[in-house]
């Protein structure tokens, strides 16, 4: 995960319709909002320093605090990961190289909890933090271990290359890309029940066939296991408002789902997502209008 610097507690009140009556229910949520430092992956960087200690430490954190009760051989997972990467050229690591490592860390999630995303990284994890029953790829063991890390080996040396690793786009058998491709495929194949997809309507091609969701996860979903694909399109409070359920690449996604026999829903105005965005910048005019409207409804 990205580096957590500090936290702020924010009280959010919203009015939600009651399921059992025509009355409205006022819900107050305390949201712990992490202030994140996002450090982008750059080609000039080599393997993340102290990667062995980070991966093994995260593994013990996961089995002790995140998913207590599960047991994995953290040292052996590291050995299989190291075996897959070192002494291989930085553009010569395939998904198959990671087979033994993935076999060491099987996981099964309950249905109705799978949350997919593309170009909505910060927002989707805030959303998952509020609705604790949702799980993203980064909440699985493999996602938790390797999130935000960089790695590559060197063919002539039995160690990682800590000086320079190529960018993902350099090759289709990049060691980082191959691991995430396999992890994404496994995650999508496990998906069952009602799943949710969060896409960014403030960019062109919110649904991109070349993204990990568009190229790997979507094709790995099983219409016999998935009841509904619930698409949520969200735009930045300040705009621009480029794509929606009825225009742009989202229409292409819906057509693909329909052709494969999936049932789907799509919404452009999920209130919780709007609130989460406004928490980051309450001075946006649209956020002030929303706050005023909610206060009037509450009164």
Protein backbone atom coordinates (compact mmCIF):
# COMPACT_ATOMS: atom_id res chain seq x y z
CA UNK A 1 0.00 0.00 0.00
CA UNK A 2 1.11 3.58 -0.37
CA UNK A 3 2.82 5.27 2.53
CA UNK A 4 0.38 6.43 5.22
CA UNK A 5 1.41 9.77 6.60
CA UNK A 6 -1.43 10.77 8.89
CA UNK A 7 -5.12 10.36 9.41
CA UNK A 8 -8.09 12.65 9.83
CA UNK A 9 -11.51 11.76 11.22
CA UNK A 10 -14.45 13.31 9.40
CA UNK A 11 -18.09 13.03 10.33
CA UNK A 12 -20.44 12.61 7.40
CA UNK A 13 -24.20 12.66 7.72
CA UNK A 14 -26.41 11.56 4.89
CA UNK A 15 -30.07 10.81 4.45
CA UNK A 16 -30.92 7.39 3.12
CA UNK A 17 -34.34 5.99 2.29
CA UNK A 18 -35.60 3.38 4.70
CA UNK A 19 -36.24 -0.04 3.19
CA UNK A 20 -39.21 -0.80 5.43
CA UNK A 21 -40.99 2.53 5.41
CA UNK A 22 -41.44 5.74 3.48
CA UNK A 23 -39.54 7.65 6.12
CA UNK A 24 -35.92 8.72 5.72
CA UNK A 25 -33.13 7.46 7.89
CA UNK A 26 -30.32 9.78 8.90
CA UNK A 27 -27.05 7.89 8.88
CA UNK A 28 -23.91 9.29 10.46
CA UNK A 29 -20.61 7.81 9.41
CA UNK A 30 -17.22 8.51 10.89
CA UNK A 31 -14.66 8.05 8.14
CA UNK A 32 -10.97 7.76 8.81
CA UNK A 33 -9.37 9.38 5.78
CA UNK A 34 -5.73 8.47 5.09
CA UNK A 35 -3.49 11.13 3.64
CA UNK A 36 -1.59 9.19 1.02
CA UNK A 37 1.73 9.76 -0.65
CA UNK A 38 1.47 8.07 -4.02
CA UNK A 39 4.88 7.24 -5.40
CA UNK A 40 4.65 6.33 -9.08
CA UNK A 41 6.66 3.48 -10.55
CA UNK A 42 9.43 4.87 -12.76
CA UNK A 43 11.79 3.05 -15.07
CA UNK A 44 14.87 4.66 -13.51
CA UNK A 45 14.36 2.85 -10.20
CA UNK A 46 15.67 -0.61 -9.51
CA UNK A 47 14.19 -3.22 -7.21
CA UNK A 48 12.66 -1.72 -4.07
CA UNK A 49 15.34 -1.67 -1.33
CA UNK A 50 14.83 -4.20 1.48
CA UNK A 51 12.20 -5.98 -0.60
CA UNK A 52 12.75 -9.28 1.20
CA UNK A 53 12.07 -7.77 4.62
CA UNK A 54 9.07 -5.86 3.27
CA UNK A 55 7.44 -8.91 1.68
CA UNK A 56 8.01 -11.26 4.59
CA UNK A 57 6.98 -8.58 7.08
CA UNK A 58 3.78 -7.86 5.17
CA UNK A 59 3.04 -11.57 5.06
CA UNK A 60 3.21 -11.86 8.85
CA UNK A 61 1.16 -8.65 9.21
CA UNK A 62 -1.50 -10.08 6.91
CA UNK A 63 -1.80 -13.40 8.74
CA UNK A 64 -1.66 -11.77 12.18
CA UNK A 65 -3.73 -8.59 11.79
CA UNK A 66 -5.52 -8.43 8.43
CA UNK A 67 -6.74 -12.00 8.15
CA UNK A 68 -5.99 -13.60 11.54
CA UNK A 69 -6.56 -17.30 11.60
CA UNK A 70 -5.06 -17.91 8.18
CA UNK A 71 -1.65 -19.52 8.02
CA UNK A 72 0.89 -19.26 5.24
CA UNK A 73 4.55 -20.18 5.10
CA UNK A 74 5.87 -16.65 4.61
CA UNK A 75 9.49 -17.69 4.26
CA UNK A 76 8.65 -20.27 1.58
CA UNK A 77 6.48 -17.76 -0.31
CA UNK A 78 9.49 -15.46 -0.45
CA UNK A 79 11.76 -18.28 -1.63
CA UNK A 80 9.38 -19.15 -4.47
CA UNK A 81 9.08 -15.49 -5.44
CA UNK A 82 12.86 -15.08 -5.43
CA UNK A 83 13.24 -18.25 -7.50
CA UNK A 84 10.81 -16.88 -10.08
CA UNK A 85 12.68 -13.60 -10.55
CA UNK A 86 16.42 -13.87 -9.92
CA UNK A 87 18.76 -15.19 -12.58
CA UNK A 88 16.21 -14.26 -15.23
CA UNK A 89 16.51 -11.35 -17.62
CA UNK A 90 14.30 -8.45 -16.59
CA UNK A 91 12.04 -9.01 -19.62
CA UNK A 92 11.93 -12.79 -19.44
CA UNK A 93 9.66 -13.64 -16.50
CA UNK A 94 6.30 -15.16 -17.42
CA UNK A 95 3.21 -15.97 -15.36
CA UNK A 96 4.35 -19.59 -15.28
CA UNK A 97 7.46 -18.61 -13.34
CA UNK A 98 5.20 -17.62 -10.44
CA UNK A 99 3.14 -20.84 -10.40
CA UNK A 100 4.82 -22.33 -7.35
CA UNK A 101 4.48 -19.09 -5.40
CA UNK A 102 0.77 -18.80 -6.18
CA UNK A 103 0.27 -22.44 -5.19
CA UNK A 104 1.64 -21.51 -1.77
CA UNK A 105 -1.04 -18.83 -1.18
CA UNK A 106 -4.53 -20.06 -2.14
CA UNK A 107 -7.47 -17.89 -1.08
CA UNK A 108 -11.23 -18.08 -1.47
CA UNK A 109 -13.50 -15.07 -0.86
CA UNK A 110 -17.24 -15.12 -0.13
CA UNK A 111 -19.53 -14.02 -2.94
CA UNK A 112 -20.83 -10.43 -3.31
CA UNK A 113 -17.58 -8.91 -2.04
CA UNK A 114 -15.50 -8.43 -5.19
CA UNK A 115 -14.63 -4.85 -6.12
CA UNK A 116 -12.84 -4.12 -9.41
CA UNK A 117 -11.50 -0.78 -10.56
CA UNK A 118 -9.62 1.08 -13.28
CA UNK A 119 -8.10 4.56 -12.97
CA UNK A 120 -9.84 5.11 -9.61
CA UNK A 121 -7.16 3.85 -7.25
CA UNK A 122 -7.42 6.26 -4.32
CA UNK A 123 -11.20 6.44 -4.38
CA UNK A 124 -11.77 2.69 -4.60
CA UNK A 125 -9.70 2.01 -1.50
CA UNK A 126 -11.51 4.74 0.43
CA UNK A 127 -14.77 3.15 -0.69
CA UNK A 128 -13.61 -0.30 0.43
CA UNK A 129 -12.54 1.16 3.78
CA UNK A 130 -16.05 2.52 4.38
CA UNK A 131 -17.88 -0.58 3.19
CA UNK A 132 -15.76 -3.20 4.87
CA UNK A 133 -17.42 -6.11 3.12
CA UNK A 134 -15.80 -5.14 -0.20
CA UNK A 135 -12.46 -6.61 -1.19
CA UNK A 136 -10.13 -5.44 -3.95
CA UNK A 137 -7.20 -7.29 -5.46
CA UNK A 138 -4.95 -5.34 -3.10
CA UNK A 139 -6.79 -6.92 -0.15
CA UNK A 140 -5.78 -10.43 -1.18
CA UNK A 141 -2.55 -11.85 0.18
CA UNK A 142 -0.62 -11.48 -3.08
CA UNK A 143 -1.93 -7.94 -3.56
CA UNK A 144 -1.07 -6.99 0.01
CA UNK A 145 2.47 -8.37 -0.30
CA UNK A 146 3.51 -6.76 -3.56
CA UNK A 147 1.50 -3.55 -3.81
CA UNK A 148 3.67 -0.56 -4.80
CA UNK A 149 6.85 -2.63 -5.01
CA UNK A 150 9.25 -2.80 -7.96
CA UNK A 151 11.44 -5.77 -8.78
CA UNK A 152 13.48 -7.37 -11.52
CA UNK A 153 16.35 -9.81 -11.73
CA UNK A 154 19.50 -10.00 -13.77
CA UNK A 155 20.43 -13.02 -15.83
CA UNK A 156 24.09 -13.01 -14.95
CA UNK A 157 23.63 -12.58 -11.19
CA UNK A 158 21.76 -14.50 -8.48
CA UNK A 159 20.26 -11.37 -6.99
CA UNK A 160 17.72 -8.68 -7.77
CA UNK A 161 18.74 -5.68 -9.84
CA UNK A 162 18.66 -2.79 -7.38
CA UNK A 163 19.97 -0.25 -9.90
CA UNK A 164 17.50 -0.20 -12.77
CA UNK A 165 14.33 -2.04 -13.83
CA UNK A 166 12.53 -1.49 -17.14
CA UNK A 167 9.08 0.07 -17.30
CA UNK A 168 6.06 -2.22 -17.55
CA UNK A 169 5.47 -1.12 -21.14
CA UNK A 170 8.89 -2.35 -22.21
CA UNK A 171 7.83 -5.99 -22.57
CA UNK A 172 4.91 -8.38 -22.06
CA UNK A 173 7.03 -10.65 -19.86
CA UNK A 174 8.04 -7.97 -17.37
CA UNK A 175 8.36 -9.59 -13.90
CA UNK A 176 6.00 -7.10 -12.23
CA UNK A 177 3.42 -7.22 -15.04
CA UNK A 178 3.44 -11.02 -15.15
CA UNK A 179 2.75 -11.31 -11.42
CA UNK A 180 -0.12 -8.81 -11.48
CA UNK A 181 -1.56 -10.38 -14.61
CA UNK A 182 -1.74 -13.76 -12.91
CA UNK A 183 -3.06 -12.25 -9.66
CA UNK A 184 -5.76 -10.31 -11.56
CA UNK A 185 -6.83 -13.39 -13.48
CA UNK A 186 -7.10 -15.46 -10.29
CA UNK A 187 -9.08 -12.72 -8.55
CA UNK A 188 -11.57 -12.41 -11.41
CA UNK A 189 -11.98 -16.17 -11.74
CA UNK A 190 -12.92 -16.34 -8.04
CA UNK A 191 -15.55 -13.60 -8.39
CA UNK A 192 -19.12 -14.67 -7.68
CA UNK A 193 -22.49 -13.19 -6.79
CA UNK A 194 -22.88 -9.44 -7.31
CA UNK A 195 -19.63 -7.71 -8.21
CA UNK A 196 -18.86 -3.98 -8.45
CA UNK A 197 -16.68 -2.11 -10.95
CA UNK A 198 -15.60 1.48 -10.27
CA UNK A 199 -14.58 3.52 -13.33
CA UNK A 200 -13.41 7.11 -13.86
CA UNK A 201 -15.85 9.16 -15.92
CA UNK A 202 -13.52 12.18 -15.99
CA UNK A 203 -11.19 10.60 -18.55
CA UNK A 204 -11.57 9.39 -22.10
CA UNK A 205 -11.75 5.60 -22.31
CA UNK A 206 -12.83 5.04 -18.73
CA UNK A 207 -13.18 1.45 -19.87
CA UNK A 208 -9.94 0.61 -21.65
CA UNK A 209 -9.45 -2.76 -23.31
CA UNK A 210 -5.70 -2.42 -22.68
CA UNK A 211 -6.05 -1.91 -18.92
CA UNK A 212 -5.70 -4.78 -16.45
CA UNK A 213 -9.46 -4.78 -15.93
CA UNK A 214 -10.27 -4.56 -19.63
CA UNK A 215 -7.71 -7.05 -20.88
CA UNK A 216 -7.49 -9.60 -18.06
CA UNK A 217 -10.17 -9.35 -15.38
CA UNK A 218 -13.20 -8.81 -17.62
CA UNK A 219 -12.36 -11.81 -19.79
CA UNK A 220 -11.79 -13.96 -16.70
CA UNK A 221 -15.23 -13.29 -15.17
CA UNK A 222 -17.58 -16.25 -15.37
CA UNK A 223 -21.24 -15.44 -16.19
CA UNK A 224 -22.23 -18.71 -14.52
CA UNK A 225 -20.79 -17.49 -11.22
CA UNK A 226 -21.53 -13.76 -11.40
CA UNK A 227 -25.14 -12.66 -10.88
CA UNK A 228 -24.78 -8.93 -11.60
CA UNK A 229 -21.97 -6.64 -12.68
CA UNK A 230 -22.71 -3.32 -10.96
CA UNK A 231 -20.88 -0.52 -12.77
CA UNK A 232 -20.31 2.74 -10.91
CA UNK A 233 -19.05 5.65 -12.99
CA UNK A 234 -17.67 8.55 -10.96
CA UNK A 235 -16.36 11.92 -12.12
CA UNK A 236 -14.18 14.41 -10.30
CA UNK A 237 -16.21 17.07 -8.43
CA UNK A 238 -14.55 19.79 -10.51
CA UNK A 239 -15.01 17.80 -13.71
CA UNK A 240 -14.58 17.21 -16.52
CA UNK A 241 -17.66 15.02 -17.04
CA UNK A 242 -16.63 13.03 -20.09
CA UNK A 243 -18.14 9.56 -19.83
CA UNK A 244 -21.26 8.08 -18.27
CA UNK A 245 -23.46 5.00 -18.41
CA UNK A 246 -24.95 6.26 -21.68
CA UNK A 247 -21.89 7.59 -23.49
CA UNK A 248 -18.27 6.84 -24.19
CA UNK A 249 -16.44 3.59 -23.56
CA UNK A 250 -18.86 2.56 -20.80
CA UNK A 251 -21.35 1.73 -23.57
CA UNK A 252 -18.77 -0.63 -25.06
CA UNK A 253 -18.34 -2.35 -21.68
CA UNK A 254 -22.09 -2.81 -21.34
CA UNK A 255 -22.27 -4.30 -24.84
CA UNK A 256 -19.51 -6.78 -23.98
CA UNK A 257 -21.29 -7.80 -20.77
CA UNK A 258 -24.58 -8.22 -22.63
CA UNK A 259 -22.97 -10.32 -25.38
CA UNK A 260 -21.43 -12.66 -22.81
CA UNK A 261 -24.68 -13.16 -20.93
CA UNK A 262 -23.96 -11.02 -17.86
CA UNK A 263 -26.70 -9.07 -16.12
CA UNK A 264 -25.61 -5.57 -15.22
CA UNK A 265 -26.52 -2.26 -13.63
CA UNK A 266 -24.89 1.14 -14.12
CA UNK A 267 -25.04 4.33 -12.08
CA UNK A 268 -23.45 7.75 -12.61
CA UNK A 269 -24.32 9.29 -9.25
CA UNK A 270 -23.49 7.07 -6.30
CA UNK A 271 -23.95 9.34 -3.27
CA UNK A 272 -21.33 7.63 -1.12
CA UNK A 273 -18.69 8.01 -3.81
CA UNK A 274 -19.54 11.69 -4.25
CA UNK A 275 -19.23 12.25 -0.49
CA UNK A 276 -15.88 10.48 -0.36
CA UNK A 277 -14.58 12.73 -3.13
CA UNK A 278 -15.90 15.87 -1.50
CA UNK A 279 -14.14 15.00 1.75
CA UNK A 280 -10.88 15.57 -0.10
CA UNK A 281 -11.90 19.08 -1.20
CA UNK A 282 -14.95 20.57 0.51
CA UNK A 283 -14.42 23.89 -1.27
CA UNK A 284 -15.54 22.58 -4.64
CA UNK A 285 -18.80 24.33 -5.65
CA UNK A 286 -20.52 21.00 -6.37
CA UNK A 287 -19.53 19.73 -2.93
CA UNK A 288 -20.86 22.85 -1.21
CA UNK A 289 -24.14 22.45 -3.08
CA UNK A 290 -24.36 18.83 -1.98
CA UNK A 291 -23.65 19.72 1.65
CA UNK A 292 -26.29 22.46 1.59
CA UNK A 293 -28.83 20.11 0.04
CA UNK A 294 -28.16 17.40 2.63
CA UNK A 295 -28.48 19.86 5.50
CA UNK A 296 -31.83 21.05 4.16
CA UNK A 297 -33.08 17.48 3.91
CA UNK A 298 -31.87 16.75 7.43
CA UNK A 299 -33.65 19.82 8.83
